[in-house]
Amino acid sequence: MALRFSTGLRDKMLGINTTLLTNGAIDTVTTGWTASAGATLTCDVGAPQAGAGNLRVASTAGALATAYQDVTTKVGHFYKLTAYFKKGTADGGRITIGTTADDDAIFASAAMTDAAWTQKTIGFTATATTTRIILESTDLTAGEYSEFDTLVMHSESHSLQDIFSGGELEIRTGSQPATADTAPSGTLLVTIKNGGATGVTFDDSASAVISKAAAETWNGTCAATGTAGWFRLCLPTDADGASTTEVRIDGAIATSGSQLNMTSTSFVTGAVETIGTFTLTFPFA
């Protein structure tokens, strides 16, 4: 058997920047964006930055006007947001990035007062599995508005170290699937995590090799009894179905000469299994 990369992982490493935002173009509707209690959202077709329309965020009487969207993210991963802004009739606007509990926990821009369309670029590290993107018109006067257009957000995490930060190693019975895009087969014997509880990480690459973080203990308690045949390195959010977008690495397990060598391949319910070393070398054989 061989070490196998999923299509999603190969695409991500080679470069894929599909936007994570819904309706970032705002050409005809405001679908995907939610108005705060003090805001009215419309699609303005007067003079968009691109396409047929843009998002107009207008204030109601005496209230801060915001539009927001919640995006699924991975903790510790780096993202880039680009957006075009112009102040419209308002005094100005802001962009903030946060969580569902705190709108500007990650980033808050200075006041933006651009009279013409101007692109804003923001890089940030996600601190939660849901990140909130907030677009503000800071003028409290009723009817005053700011405008936003051509919003794009994508992950900048393309190295294996970044992609699998917070990942886990599933060990199963049987033979590994023909491709890592396939739904997992066999019985799940154990899920290996850092200290059996949190996602694993890798130390910095050295001589084209990345290894499990030296400070971490990769182990897990067996949920079933059986013979280990293969493993899948994936993310905890992996739905375990057939997929060409999930990031995965599959490999065979044996006591020697395999992609993952264990002292014994016989696993017993309740036993703790530990992986002392785990490395990925580039190029892959």
C-alpha atoms as a PDB file:
ATOM      1  CA  MET A   1       0.000   0.000   0.000  1.00  0.00           C
ATOM      2  CA  ALA A   2       1.042   3.601  -0.448  1.00  0.00           C
ATOM      3  CA  LEU A   3       0.623   6.922   1.301  1.00  0.00           C
ATOM      4  CA  ARG A   4      -2.385   8.534  -0.385  1.00  0.00           C
ATOM      5  CA  PHE A   5      -3.441  12.174  -0.487  1.00  0.00           C
ATOM      6  CA  SER A   6      -7.049  13.206  -0.978  1.00  0.00           C
ATOM      7  CA  THR A   7      -8.001  15.426  -3.923  1.00  0.00           C
ATOM      8  CA  GLY A   8      -8.961  18.148  -1.454  1.00  0.00           C
ATOM      9  CA  LEU A   9      -5.495  18.089   0.129  1.00  0.00           C
ATOM     10  CA  ARG A  10      -3.678  18.118  -3.218  1.00  0.00           C
ATOM     11  CA  ASP A  11      -5.810  21.020  -4.454  1.00  0.00           C
ATOM     12  CA  LYS A  12      -5.156  22.982  -1.275  1.00  0.00           C
ATOM     13  CA  MET A  13      -1.398  22.454  -1.435  1.00  0.00           C
ATOM     14  CA  LEU A  14      -1.259  23.328  -5.136  1.00  0.00           C
ATOM     15  CA  GLY A  15      -3.349  26.435  -4.600  1.00  0.00           C
ATOM     16  CA  ILE A  16      -7.097  26.837  -4.348  1.00  0.00           C
ATOM     17  CA  ASN A  17      -8.714  30.015  -3.098  1.00  0.00           C
ATOM     18  CA  THR A  18     -12.443  29.420  -3.255  1.00  0.00           C
ATOM     19  CA  THR A  19     -14.164  32.149  -1.271  1.00  0.00           C
ATOM     20  CA  LEU A  20     -15.747  31.062   2.005  1.00  0.00           C
ATOM     21  CA  LEU A  21     -18.314  33.866   1.926  1.00  0.00           C
ATOM     22  CA  THR A  22     -21.853  33.501   0.652  1.00  0.00           C
ATOM     23  CA  ASN A  23     -22.843  36.169  -1.889  1.00  0.00           C
ATOM     24  CA  GLY A  24     -19.721  38.285  -1.632  1.00  0.00           C
ATOM     25  CA  ALA A  25     -20.542  39.912  -4.988  1.00  0.00           C
ATOM     26  CA  ILE A  26     -23.989  41.191  -3.875  1.00  0.00           C
ATOM     27  CA  ASP A  27     -25.029  41.660  -7.511  1.00  0.00           C
ATOM     28  CA  THR A  28     -28.802  41.252  -7.187  1.00  0.00           C
ATOM     29  CA  VAL A  29     -29.755  40.293  -3.605  1.00  0.00           C
ATOM     30  CA  THR A  30     -28.418  40.629  -0.049  1.00  0.00           C
ATOM     31  CA  THR A  31     -28.870  36.914   0.709  1.00  0.00           C
ATOM     32  CA  GLY A  32     -26.209  35.615   3.095  1.00  0.00           C
ATOM     33  CA  TRP A  33     -25.870  38.916   4.953  1.00  0.00           C
ATOM     34  CA  THR A  34     -27.819  39.621   8.153  1.00  0.00           C
ATOM     35  CA  ALA A  35     -28.803  43.134   9.239  1.00  0.00           C
ATOM     36  CA  SER A  36     -28.394  44.335  12.810  1.00  0.00           C
ATOM     37  CA  ALA A  37     -31.408  45.770  14.600  1.00  0.00           C
ATOM     38  CA  GLY A  38     -30.314  49.254  13.536  1.00  0.00           C
ATOM     39  CA  ALA A  39     -29.739  48.544   9.857  1.00  0.00           C
ATOM     40  CA  THR A  40     -31.459  48.180   6.515  1.00  0.00           C
ATOM     41  CA  LEU A  41     -29.669  46.202   3.808  1.00  0.00           C
ATOM     42  CA  THR A  42     -30.297  46.751   0.111  1.00  0.00           C
ATOM     43  CA  CYS A  43     -28.610  45.837  -3.135  1.00  0.00           C
ATOM     44  CA  ASP A  44     -27.676  49.114  -4.813  1.00  0.00           C
ATOM     45  CA  VAL A  45     -27.343  48.974  -8.594  1.00  0.00           C
ATOM     46  CA  GLY A  46     -26.297  52.603  -9.065  1.00  0.00           C
ATOM     47  CA  ALA A  47     -22.497  52.419  -9.252  1.00  0.00           C
ATOM     48  CA  PRO A  48     -21.118  49.087  -7.994  1.00  0.00           C
ATOM     49  CA  GLN A  49     -17.416  48.390  -7.793  1.00  0.00           C
ATOM     50  CA  ALA A  50     -17.983  45.362 -10.026  1.00  0.00           C
ATOM     51  CA  GLY A  51     -20.891  43.344 -11.339  1.00  0.00           C
ATOM     52  CA  ALA A  52     -24.478  44.503 -11.217  1.00  0.00           C
ATOM     53  CA  GLY A  53     -24.817  45.719  -7.637  1.00  0.00           C
ATOM     54  CA  ASN A  54     -23.282  46.238  -4.201  1.00  0.00           C
ATOM     55  CA  LEU A  55     -24.317  46.047  -0.541  1.00  0.00           C
ATOM     56  CA  ARG A  56     -25.713  49.251   0.954  1.00  0.00           C
ATOM     57  CA  VAL A  57     -25.807  49.329   4.778  1.00  0.00           C
ATOM     58  CA  ALA A  58     -28.110  52.110   5.984  1.00  0.00           C
ATOM     59  CA  SER A  59     -28.879  53.277   9.523  1.00  0.00           C
ATOM     60  CA  THR A  60     -32.295  53.509  11.086  1.00  0.00           C
ATOM     61  CA  ALA A  61     -32.966  56.358  13.557  1.00  0.00           C
ATOM     62  CA  GLY A  62     -30.091  56.756  16.029  1.00  0.00           C
ATOM     63  CA  ALA A  63     -28.689  53.243  15.594  1.00  0.00           C
ATOM     64  CA  LEU A  64     -25.387  51.782  14.426  1.00  0.00           C
ATOM     65  CA  ALA A  65     -25.929  49.945  11.135  1.00  0.00           C
ATOM     66  CA  THR A  66     -24.145  46.661  10.517  1.00  0.00           C
ATOM     67  CA  ALA A  67     -24.346  43.682   8.200  1.00  0.00           C
ATOM     68  CA  TYR A  68     -22.726  40.424   9.240  1.00  0.00           C
ATOM     69  CA  GLN A  69     -22.070  36.904   8.047  1.00  0.00           C
ATOM     70  CA  ASP A  70     -20.927  33.867  10.043  1.00  0.00           C
ATOM     71  CA  VAL A  71     -18.286  31.724   8.341  1.00  0.00           C
ATOM     72  CA  THR A  72     -17.074  28.251   9.283  1.00  0.00           C
ATOM     73  CA  THR A  73     -13.346  28.401  10.111  1.00  0.00           C
ATOM     74  CA  LYS A  74     -10.631  26.260  11.672  1.00  0.00           C
ATOM     75  CA  VAL A  75      -9.058  27.417  14.931  1.00  0.00           C
ATOM     76  CA  GLY A  76      -5.460  28.524  14.467  1.00  0.00           C
ATOM     77  CA  HIS A  77      -5.706  28.735  10.681  1.00  0.00           C
ATOM     78  CA  PHE A  78      -4.878  31.958   8.842  1.00  0.00           C
ATOM     79  CA  TYR A  79      -7.411  33.651   6.557  1.00  0.00           C
ATOM     80  CA  LYS A  80      -7.477  36.672   4.249  1.00  0.00           C
ATOM     81  CA  LEU A  81     -10.476  38.941   3.716  1.00  0.00           C
ATOM     82  CA  THR A  82     -10.618  41.472   0.890  1.00  0.00           C
ATOM     83  CA  ALA A  83     -13.468  43.950   0.472  1.00  0.00           C
ATOM     84  CA  TYR A  84     -14.202  47.149  -1.422  1.00  0.00           C
ATOM     85  CA  PHE A  85     -15.630  50.079   0.536  1.00  0.00           C
ATOM     86  CA  LYS A  86     -16.883  53.606  -0.007  1.00  0.00           C
ATOM     87  CA  LYS A  87     -18.508  55.778   2.631  1.00  0.00           C
ATOM     88  CA  GLY A  88     -21.603  56.758   0.646  1.00  0.00           C
ATOM     89  CA  THR A  89     -23.602  59.420   2.486  1.00  0.00           C
ATOM     90  CA  ALA A  90     -22.346  58.321   5.914  1.00  0.00           C
ATOM     91  CA  ASP A  91     -19.418  59.834   7.783  1.00  0.00           C
ATOM     92  CA  GLY A  92     -17.576  56.544   7.380  1.00  0.00           C
ATOM     93  CA  GLY A  93     -17.548  52.840   8.113  1.00  0.00           C
ATOM     94  CA  ARG A  94     -15.581  49.979   9.640  1.00  0.00           C
ATOM     95  CA  ILE A  95     -14.878  46.307   9.170  1.00  0.00           C
ATOM     96  CA  THR A  96     -14.583  44.123  12.237  1.00  0.00           C
ATOM     97  CA  ILE A  97     -13.899  40.412  12.625  1.00  0.00           C
ATOM     98  CA  GLY A  98     -14.827  38.396  15.665  1.00  0.00           C
ATOM     99  CA  THR A  99     -16.906  35.572  17.029  1.00  0.00           C
ATOM    100  CA  THR A 100     -20.595  35.124  17.673  1.00  0.00           C
ATOM    101  CA  ALA A 101     -19.925  36.265  21.238  1.00  0.00           C
ATOM    102  CA  ASP A 102     -17.661  39.253  20.476  1.00  0.00           C
ATOM    103  CA  ASP A 103     -17.903  41.122  17.170  1.00  0.00           C
ATOM    104  CA  ASP A 104     -14.394  42.586  17.219  1.00  0.00           C
ATOM    105  CA  ALA A 105     -12.480  39.986  19.212  1.00  0.00           C
ATOM    106  CA  ILE A 106     -10.082  39.358  16.302  1.00  0.00           C
ATOM    107  CA  PHE A 107      -9.869  42.618  14.353  1.00  0.00           C
ATOM    108  CA  ALA A 108     -11.351  46.117  14.212  1.00  0.00           C
ATOM    109  CA  SER A 109     -10.375  48.519  11.460  1.00  0.00           C
ATOM    110  CA  ALA A 110      -9.832  52.205  11.980  1.00  0.00           C
ATOM    111  CA  ALA A 111     -12.571  54.486  10.669  1.00  0.00           C
ATOM    112  CA  MET A 112     -12.779  54.230   6.867  1.00  0.00           C
ATOM    113  CA  THR A 113     -13.710  57.459   5.070  1.00  0.00           C
ATOM    114  CA  ASP A 114     -12.953  56.649   1.419  1.00  0.00           C
ATOM    115  CA  ALA A 115     -15.248  58.552  -0.953  1.00  0.00           C
ATOM    116  CA  ALA A 116     -14.404  56.264  -3.901  1.00  0.00           C
ATOM    117  CA  TRP A 117     -14.260  52.482  -4.041  1.00  0.00           C
ATOM    118  CA  THR A 118     -11.136  51.356  -2.154  1.00  0.00           C
ATOM    119  CA  GLN A 119      -9.996  47.794  -1.546  1.00  0.00           C
ATOM    120  CA  LYS A 120      -9.315  46.731   2.043  1.00  0.00           C
ATOM    121  CA  THR A 121      -7.217  43.636   2.827  1.00  0.00           C
ATOM    122  CA  ILE A 122      -7.216  41.988   6.250  1.00  0.00           C
ATOM    123  CA  GLY A 123      -5.303  38.919   7.400  1.00  0.00           C
ATOM    124  CA  PHE A 124      -6.327  37.145  10.597  1.00  0.00           C
ATOM    125  CA  THR A 125      -6.068  33.924  12.572  1.00  0.00           C
ATOM    126  CA  ALA A 126      -9.338  32.232  13.500  1.00  0.00           C
ATOM    127  CA  THR A 127      -9.975  31.704  17.212  1.00  0.00           C
ATOM    128  CA  ALA A 128     -13.219  29.748  16.878  1.00  0.00           C
ATOM    129  CA  THR A 129     -14.959  27.359  14.500  1.00  0.00           C
ATOM    130  CA  THR A 130     -17.354  30.165  13.546  1.00  0.00           C
ATOM    131  CA  THR A 131     -15.953  33.568  12.596  1.00  0.00           C
ATOM    132  CA  ARG A 132     -18.199  36.608  12.202  1.00  0.00           C
ATOM    133  CA  ILE A 133     -17.454  39.183   9.473  1.00  0.00           C
ATOM    134  CA  ILE A 134     -19.079  42.566  10.272  1.00  0.00           C
ATOM    135  CA  LEU A 135     -19.546  45.514   7.908  1.00  0.00           C
ATOM    136  CA  GLU A 136     -20.451  48.800   9.617  1.00  0.00           C
ATOM    137  CA  SER A 137     -21.794  52.171   8.608  1.00  0.00           C
ATOM    138  CA  THR A 138     -20.808  54.316  11.590  1.00  0.00           C
ATOM    139  CA  ASP A 139     -23.133  57.269  10.950  1.00  0.00           C
ATOM    140  CA  LEU A 140     -26.104  57.080  13.354  1.00  0.00           C
ATOM    141  CA  THR A 141     -28.245  59.478  11.325  1.00  0.00           C
ATOM    142  CA  ALA A 142     -31.330  57.745   9.939  1.00  0.00           C
ATOM    143  CA  GLY A 143     -31.023  56.958   6.249  1.00  0.00           C
ATOM    144  CA  GLU A 144     -27.266  57.546   5.988  1.00  0.00           C
ATOM    145  CA  TYR A 145     -25.387  54.645   4.457  1.00  0.00           C
ATOM    146  CA  SER A 146     -22.027  53.107   3.552  1.00  0.00           C
ATOM    147  CA  GLU A 147     -21.409  50.620   0.732  1.00  0.00           C
ATOM    148  CA  PHE A 148     -19.454  47.396   0.344  1.00  0.00           C
ATOM    149  CA  ASP A 149     -18.728  45.215  -2.671  1.00  0.00           C
ATOM    150  CA  THR A 150     -16.667  42.296  -4.013  1.00  0.00           C
ATOM    151  CA  LEU A 151     -15.969  40.581  -0.687  1.00  0.00           C
ATOM    152  CA  VAL A 152     -13.736  37.514  -0.782  1.00  0.00           C
ATOM    153  CA  MET A 153     -12.441  35.403   2.100  1.00  0.00           C
ATOM    154  CA  HIS A 154     -10.213  32.381   1.776  1.00  0.00           C
ATOM    155  CA  SER A 155      -7.824  30.261   3.793  1.00  0.00           C
ATOM    156  CA  GLU A 156      -4.122  31.030   3.526  1.00  0.00           C
ATOM    157  CA  SER A 157      -3.132  27.761   5.215  1.00  0.00           C
ATOM    158  CA  HIS A 158      -1.536  25.696   2.434  1.00  0.00           C
ATOM    159  CA  SER A 159       1.356  23.902   4.152  1.00  0.00           C
ATOM    160  CA  LEU A 160       0.819  20.442   5.616  1.00  0.00           C
ATOM    161  CA  GLN A 161       1.816  21.846   9.010  1.00  0.00           C
ATOM    162  CA  ASP A 162      -0.981  24.445   8.816  1.00  0.00           C
ATOM    163  CA  ILE A 163      -3.576  22.270   7.112  1.00  0.00           C
ATOM    164  CA  PHE A 164      -3.393  19.504   9.716  1.00  0.00           C
ATOM    165  CA  SER A 165      -2.985  21.740  12.762  1.00  0.00           C
ATOM    166  CA  GLY A 166      -5.633  20.468  15.164  1.00  0.00           C
ATOM    167  CA  GLY A 167      -6.052  17.237  13.225  1.00  0.00           C
ATOM    168  CA  GLU A 168      -6.412  13.655  14.378  1.00  0.00           C
ATOM    169  CA  LEU A 169      -5.333  10.182  13.313  1.00  0.00           C
ATOM    170  CA  GLU A 170      -8.039   7.527  12.860  1.00  0.00           C
ATOM    171  CA  ILE A 171      -6.918   3.898  12.982  1.00  0.00           C
ATOM    172  CA  ARG A 172      -9.226   1.303  11.413  1.00  0.00           C
ATOM    173  CA  THR A 173      -9.418  -2.392  10.567  1.00  0.00           C
ATOM    174  CA  GLY A 174      -9.069  -3.795   7.050  1.00  0.00           C
ATOM    175  CA  SER A 175      -7.230  -2.356   4.072  1.00  0.00           C
ATOM    176  CA  GLN A 176      -7.030   1.318   3.225  1.00  0.00           C
ATOM    177  CA  PRO A 177      -9.458   2.515   0.522  1.00  0.00           C
ATOM    178  CA  ALA A 178      -8.302   2.834  -3.075  1.00  0.00           C
ATOM    179  CA  THR A 179      -8.252   6.619  -2.707  1.00  0.00           C
ATOM    180  CA  ALA A 180      -8.366   9.051   0.217  1.00  0.00           C
ATOM    181  CA  ASP A 181     -11.489  10.573  -1.362  1.00  0.00           C
ATOM    182  CA  THR A 182     -13.400   7.414  -0.416  1.00  0.00           C
ATOM    183  CA  ALA A 183     -15.521   7.083   2.726  1.00  0.00           C
ATOM    184  CA  PRO A 184     -13.552   5.218   5.424  1.00  0.00           C
ATOM    185  CA  SER A 185     -13.975   1.459   5.588  1.00  0.00           C
ATOM    186  CA  GLY A 186     -13.506  -0.986   8.440  1.00  0.00           C
ATOM    187  CA  THR A 187     -14.109  -0.529  12.155  1.00  0.00           C
ATOM    188  CA  LEU A 188     -12.761   2.594  13.850  1.00  0.00           C
ATOM    189  CA  LEU A 189     -10.490   1.198  16.557  1.00  0.00           C
ATOM    190  CA  VAL A 190      -9.051   4.390  18.022  1.00  0.00           C
ATOM    191  CA  THR A 191      -8.741   8.103  17.318  1.00  0.00           C
ATOM    192  CA  ILE A 192      -5.294   9.434  18.145  1.00  0.00           C
ATOM    193  CA  LYS A 193      -5.137  12.979  19.555  1.00  0.00           C
ATOM    194  CA  ASN A 194      -2.733  15.062  21.611  1.00  0.00           C
ATOM    195  CA  GLY A 195      -3.063  13.631  25.080  1.00  0.00           C
ATOM    196  CA  GLY A 196      -6.090  11.761  23.785  1.00  0.00           C
ATOM    197  CA  ALA A 197      -8.103  14.980  23.966  1.00  0.00           C
ATOM    198  CA  THR A 198      -7.052  17.817  21.648  1.00  0.00           C
ATOM    199  CA  GLY A 199      -5.935  18.159  18.043  1.00  0.00           C
ATOM    200  CA  VAL A 200      -2.397  17.216  17.069  1.00  0.00           C
ATOM    201  CA  THR A 201       0.201  19.601  15.613  1.00  0.00           C
ATOM    202  CA  PHE A 202       3.512  19.333  13.798  1.00  0.00           C
ATOM    203  CA  ASP A 203       6.850  21.011  14.506  1.00  0.00           C
ATOM    204  CA  ASP A 204       8.500  23.169  11.836  1.00  0.00           C
ATOM    205  CA  SER A 205       9.831  21.402   8.779  1.00  0.00           C
ATOM    206  CA  ALA A 206      13.514  20.464   8.733  1.00  0.00           C
ATOM    207  CA  SER A 207      15.248  19.047   5.650  1.00  0.00           C
ATOM    208  CA  ALA A 208      11.885  18.519   3.901  1.00  0.00           C
ATOM    209  CA  VAL A 209      10.467  16.556   6.854  1.00  0.00           C
ATOM    210  CA  ILE A 210       7.719  17.491   9.299  1.00  0.00           C
ATOM    211  CA  SER A 211       7.251  15.498  12.480  1.00  0.00           C
ATOM    212  CA  LYS A 212       4.732  15.304  15.292  1.00  0.00           C
ATOM    213  CA  ALA A 213       5.276  18.084  17.776  1.00  0.00           C
ATOM    214  CA  ALA A 214       7.935  16.841  20.178  1.00  0.00           C
ATOM    215  CA  ALA A 215       6.082  18.272  23.155  1.00  0.00           C
ATOM    216  CA  GLU A 216       2.898  16.347  22.374  1.00  0.00           C
ATOM    217  CA  THR A 217       1.829  12.848  23.378  1.00  0.00           C
ATOM    218  CA  TRP A 218      -0.227  11.279  20.592  1.00  0.00           C
ATOM    219  CA  ASN A 219      -2.514   8.648  22.031  1.00  0.00           C
ATOM    220  CA  GLY A 220      -6.090   7.476  22.369  1.00  0.00           C
ATOM    221  CA  THR A 221      -8.243   4.905  24.127  1.00  0.00           C
ATOM    222  CA  CYS A 222      -9.468   2.056  21.920  1.00  0.00           C
ATOM    223  CA  ALA A 223     -13.209   2.063  21.286  1.00  0.00           C
ATOM    224  CA  ALA A 224     -13.209  -1.422  19.732  1.00  0.00           C
ATOM    225  CA  THR A 225     -11.188  -4.628  19.504  1.00  0.00           C
ATOM    226  CA  GLY A 226      -9.618  -5.635  16.194  1.00  0.00           C
ATOM    227  CA  THR A 227      -6.551  -5.700  13.953  1.00  0.00           C
ATOM    228  CA  ALA A 228      -5.272  -2.335  12.764  1.00  0.00           C
ATOM    229  CA  GLY A 229      -4.914  -2.207   9.001  1.00  0.00           C
ATOM    230  CA  TRP A 230      -4.762   1.436   7.990  1.00  0.00           C
ATOM    231  CA  PHE A 231      -4.894   5.032   9.216  1.00  0.00           C
ATOM    232  CA  ARG A 232      -6.345   8.334   8.063  1.00  0.00           C
ATOM    233  CA  LEU A 233      -4.901  11.711   9.083  1.00  0.00           C
ATOM    234  CA  CYS A 234      -7.785  14.181   8.832  1.00  0.00           C
ATOM    235  CA  LEU A 235      -9.521  17.051  10.589  1.00  0.00           C
ATOM    236  CA  PRO A 236     -12.123  16.597  13.358  1.00  0.00           C
ATOM    237  CA  THR A 237     -14.706  18.279  11.092  1.00  0.00           C
ATOM    238  CA  ASP A 238     -14.348  15.560   8.443  1.00  0.00           C
ATOM    239  CA  ALA A 239     -17.812  14.064   7.912  1.00  0.00           C
ATOM    240  CA  ASP A 240     -16.295  10.666   6.961  1.00  0.00           C
ATOM    241  CA  GLY A 241     -18.120  10.464   3.642  1.00  0.00           C
ATOM    242  CA  ALA A 242     -16.873  10.339   0.081  1.00  0.00           C
ATOM    243  CA  SER A 243     -15.361  13.752  -0.667  1.00  0.00           C
ATOM    244  CA  THR A 244     -13.046  15.539  -3.089  1.00  0.00           C
ATOM    245  CA  THR A 245     -12.737  18.589  -0.803  1.00  0.00           C
ATOM    246  CA  GLU A 246     -11.830  17.115   2.603  1.00  0.00           C
ATOM    247  CA  VAL A 247      -8.095  17.091   3.452  1.00  0.00           C
ATOM    248  CA  ARG A 248      -6.832  13.570   4.200  1.00  0.00           C
ATOM    249  CA  ILE A 249      -3.750  11.364   4.155  1.00  0.00           C
ATOM    250  CA  ASP A 250      -4.217   7.578   4.212  1.00  0.00           C
ATOM    251  CA  GLY A 251      -1.596   4.937   4.873  1.00  0.00           C
ATOM    252  CA  ALA A 252      -1.195   1.279   5.759  1.00  0.00           C
ATOM    253  CA  ILE A 253      -0.315  -0.076   9.207  1.00  0.00           C
ATOM    254  CA  ALA A 254       1.918  -3.057  10.026  1.00  0.00           C
ATOM    255  CA  THR A 255       4.606  -3.998  12.502  1.00  0.00           C
ATOM    256  CA  SER A 256       7.338  -3.148   9.965  1.00  0.00           C
ATOM    257  CA  GLY A 257       7.840  -1.860   6.444  1.00  0.00           C
ATOM    258  CA  SER A 258       4.657   0.188   6.330  1.00  0.00           C
ATOM    259  CA  GLN A 259       3.624   3.840   6.415  1.00  0.00           C
ATOM    260  CA  LEU A 260       2.833   3.527  10.132  1.00  0.00           C
ATOM    261  CA  ASN A 261       4.591   0.835  12.110  1.00  0.00           C
ATOM    262  CA  MET A 262       3.135  -0.288  15.436  1.00  0.00           C
ATOM    263  CA  THR A 263       4.593  -2.639  18.041  1.00  0.00           C
ATOM    264  CA  SER A 264       1.441  -4.709  17.646  1.00  0.00           C
ATOM    265  CA  THR A 265      -1.536  -4.390  15.306  1.00  0.00           C
ATOM    266  CA  SER A 266      -3.843  -6.134  17.792  1.00  0.00           C
ATOM    267  CA  PHE A 267      -5.953  -3.488  19.531  1.00  0.00           C
ATOM    268  CA  VAL A 268      -8.212  -4.148  22.522  1.00  0.00           C
ATOM    269  CA  THR A 269     -11.154  -2.106  23.763  1.00  0.00           C
ATOM    270  CA  GLY A 270     -10.122   0.171  26.625  1.00  0.00           C
ATOM    271  CA  ALA A 271      -6.387  -0.053  25.948  1.00  0.00           C
ATOM    272  CA  VAL A 272      -4.428   3.143  25.337  1.00  0.00           C
ATOM    273  CA  GLU A 273      -2.514   3.225  22.061  1.00  0.00           C
ATOM    274  CA  THR A 274       0.384   5.674  21.660  1.00  0.00           C
ATOM    275  CA  ILE A 275       2.254   6.857  18.570  1.00  0.00           C
ATOM    276  CA  GLY A 276       5.796   7.845  19.499  1.00  0.00           C
ATOM    277  CA  THR A 277       6.941   9.129  16.101  1.00  0.00           C
ATOM    278  CA  PHE A 278       5.102  10.324  13.017  1.00  0.00           C
ATOM    279  CA  THR A 279       6.840  12.052  10.111  1.00  0.00           C
ATOM    280  CA  LEU A 280       5.960  13.155   6.592  1.00  0.00           C
ATOM    281  CA  THR A 281       8.800  13.497   4.096  1.00  0.00           C
ATOM    282  CA  PHE A 282       8.728  15.427   0.833  1.00  0.00           C
ATOM    283  CA  PRO A 283       8.845  14.241  -1.924  1.00  0.00           C
ATOM    284  CA  PHE A 284       6.550  11.400  -0.986  1.00  0.00           C
ATOM    285  CA  ALA A 285       7.526   7.871  -1.956  1.00  0.00           C
END
